[in-house]
Every structure is written in structure tokens, then in C-alpha cells.
Amino acid sequence: MRVSLPHTLGREEVRRRMHEHAHEIGSYFPPGMATVETEWPHEDRMDLYITAAGQLIEGGIEVGDDTVTIEMDLPAMLGFLRGTLERAVRKHGGRLLEKK
């Protein structure tokens, strides 16, 4: 699954917001279904390790000059969540990237 979201905030502001709100990623899944771990291998990439229904979902978020790209490799067993996750990423990610 790959979702790209446009932004006009600048990389530094996007990074700040991602650090501040990373703990909310688990709420994109149905309640109690997932645990999320994050790592920052470099300043423009946050790696995601999500365990849902006993399955590991690996992914990441890349911060670009004018887009943020979220990728998750969904195991076949969790393919039914693709639409739900894409909608949640667009909704919550879009809110995170709105100018305030």
C-alpha cells in the first residue's frame, strides 16, 4: 500500500509534527488490534513496524519537499484492511499536514 499526501509546510515542520504524533499511528487500526514501533534511520524517514492480528506489517514514511509518502507492506492475510488503512492515512495524515 502506498499513499502520497501533498504538503506546503516544509520538511522541518513535517518532521516536527511526525515526531509529535507518531504514537497516534496505532489508532488507524481497529481499537486494540495493533501495536506500533517507530524508528528514524535518518531525518526524512520514519520506519514503521506494526503488529496486527499476529502479523508484522513493515513500512515507512518519507518526508519530501512537497509530499509525504506512506508505504506499508500488508501481508495477504491482512489485505482486507487495505481500504480502511488507506482512508485512515488520508484522513489523519491530511489533518496532520494542514497549515495551522
Protein backbone atom coordinates (compact mmCIF):
# COMPACT_ATOMS: atom_id res chain seq x y z
CA MET A 1 0.00 0.00 0.00
CA ARG A 2 1.36 3.41 -0.96
CA VAL A 3 -0.25 6.80 -0.26
CA SER A 4 1.27 10.17 -1.13
CA LEU A 5 -0.02 13.29 0.59
CA PRO A 6 0.86 16.81 -0.58
CA HIS A 7 2.03 19.49 1.86
CA THR A 8 3.25 23.08 1.88
CA LEU A 9 4.78 23.03 5.36
CA GLY A 10 8.45 22.45 4.65
CA ARG A 11 10.40 19.37 5.73
CA GLU A 12 11.33 20.64 9.19
CA GLU A 13 7.71 21.30 10.19
CA VAL A 14 6.55 17.94 8.80
CA ARG A 15 9.30 16.16 10.75
CA ARG A 16 8.34 18.01 13.94
CA ARG A 17 4.69 17.05 13.55
CA MET A 18 5.53 13.43 12.77
CA HIS A 19 7.69 13.14 15.87
CA GLU A 20 4.93 14.72 17.94
CA HIS A 21 2.13 12.50 16.60
CA ALA A 22 3.85 9.16 15.80
CA HIS A 23 2.16 7.50 18.78
CA GLU A 24 -1.24 8.01 17.07
CA ILE A 25 -0.49 5.64 14.16
CA GLY A 26 -1.89 2.65 16.06
CA SER A 27 -5.28 4.37 16.12
CA TYR A 28 -5.52 3.94 12.32
CA PHE A 29 -6.36 0.29 13.03
CA PRO A 30 -9.50 -1.00 14.74
CA PRO A 31 -9.19 -0.47 18.54
CA GLY A 32 -6.80 -2.85 20.30
CA MET A 33 -5.79 -4.57 17.06
CA ALA A 34 -2.27 -3.19 16.58
CA THR A 35 0.94 -2.16 18.27
CA VAL A 36 3.32 0.23 16.54
CA GLU A 37 7.05 0.80 16.85
CA THR A 38 8.88 3.56 15.00
CA GLU A 39 12.49 4.35 14.21
CA TRP A 40 14.13 7.29 12.44
CA PRO A 41 17.03 5.87 10.38
CA HIS A 42 17.58 9.39 9.01
CA GLU A 43 15.83 12.73 9.35
CA ASP A 44 13.48 12.28 6.39
CA ARG A 45 12.41 8.68 7.01
CA MET A 46 10.42 7.09 9.80
CA ASP A 47 10.32 3.28 9.67
CA LEU A 48 7.17 1.57 10.91
CA TYR A 49 6.86 -1.88 12.49
CA ILE A 50 3.23 -2.67 13.12
CA THR A 51 1.96 -5.90 14.63
CA ALA A 52 -1.71 -6.51 13.84
CA ALA A 53 -3.61 -9.78 14.25
CA GLY A 54 -0.30 -11.57 14.88
CA GLN A 55 1.14 -10.31 11.58
CA LEU A 56 4.07 -7.94 11.10
CA ILE A 57 3.49 -5.01 8.77
CA GLU A 58 6.66 -3.18 7.80
CA GLY A 59 6.57 0.23 6.23
CA GLY A 60 7.78 3.74 6.38
CA ILE A 61 7.08 7.39 5.90
CA GLU A 62 9.27 9.50 3.63
CA VAL A 63 9.26 13.28 4.02
CA GLY A 64 9.75 15.17 0.76
CA ASP A 65 9.82 18.85 -0.11
CA ASP A 66 6.13 18.87 -1.03
CA THR A 67 4.83 15.35 -0.34
CA VAL A 68 4.82 12.77 2.41
CA THR A 69 4.74 9.18 1.17
CA ILE A 70 3.46 6.39 3.40
CA GLU A 71 4.17 2.80 2.43
CA MET A 72 3.11 -0.39 4.17
CA ASP A 73 3.68 -3.96 3.03
CA LEU A 74 0.45 -5.67 4.04
CA PRO A 75 0.64 -9.45 4.37
CA ALA A 76 -2.00 -11.24 2.28
CA MET A 77 -3.82 -12.22 5.47
CA LEU A 78 -4.41 -8.52 6.24
CA GLY A 79 -5.29 -7.45 2.71
CA PHE A 80 -8.86 -6.84 3.85
CA LEU A 81 -7.57 -3.83 5.83
CA ARG A 82 -6.10 -2.06 2.78
CA GLY A 83 -9.09 0.22 2.11
CA THR A 84 -9.59 1.01 5.79
CA LEU A 85 -5.92 1.88 6.24
CA GLU A 86 -5.72 3.99 3.10
CA ARG A 87 -8.76 6.02 4.21
CA ALA A 88 -7.31 6.44 7.72
CA VAL A 89 -3.92 7.53 6.36
CA ARG A 90 -5.52 10.08 4.04
CA LYS A 91 -7.81 11.40 6.78
CA HIS A 92 -5.36 11.57 9.70
CA GLY A 93 -2.30 12.32 7.59
CA GLY A 94 -4.18 15.07 5.79
CA ARG A 95 -5.11 16.66 9.11
CA LEU A 96 -1.52 16.43 10.30
CA LEU A 97 -0.31 18.24 7.16
CA GLU A 98 -2.85 21.07 7.22
CA LYS A 99 -1.43 24.55 7.74
CA LYS A 100 -2.33 25.97 11.14
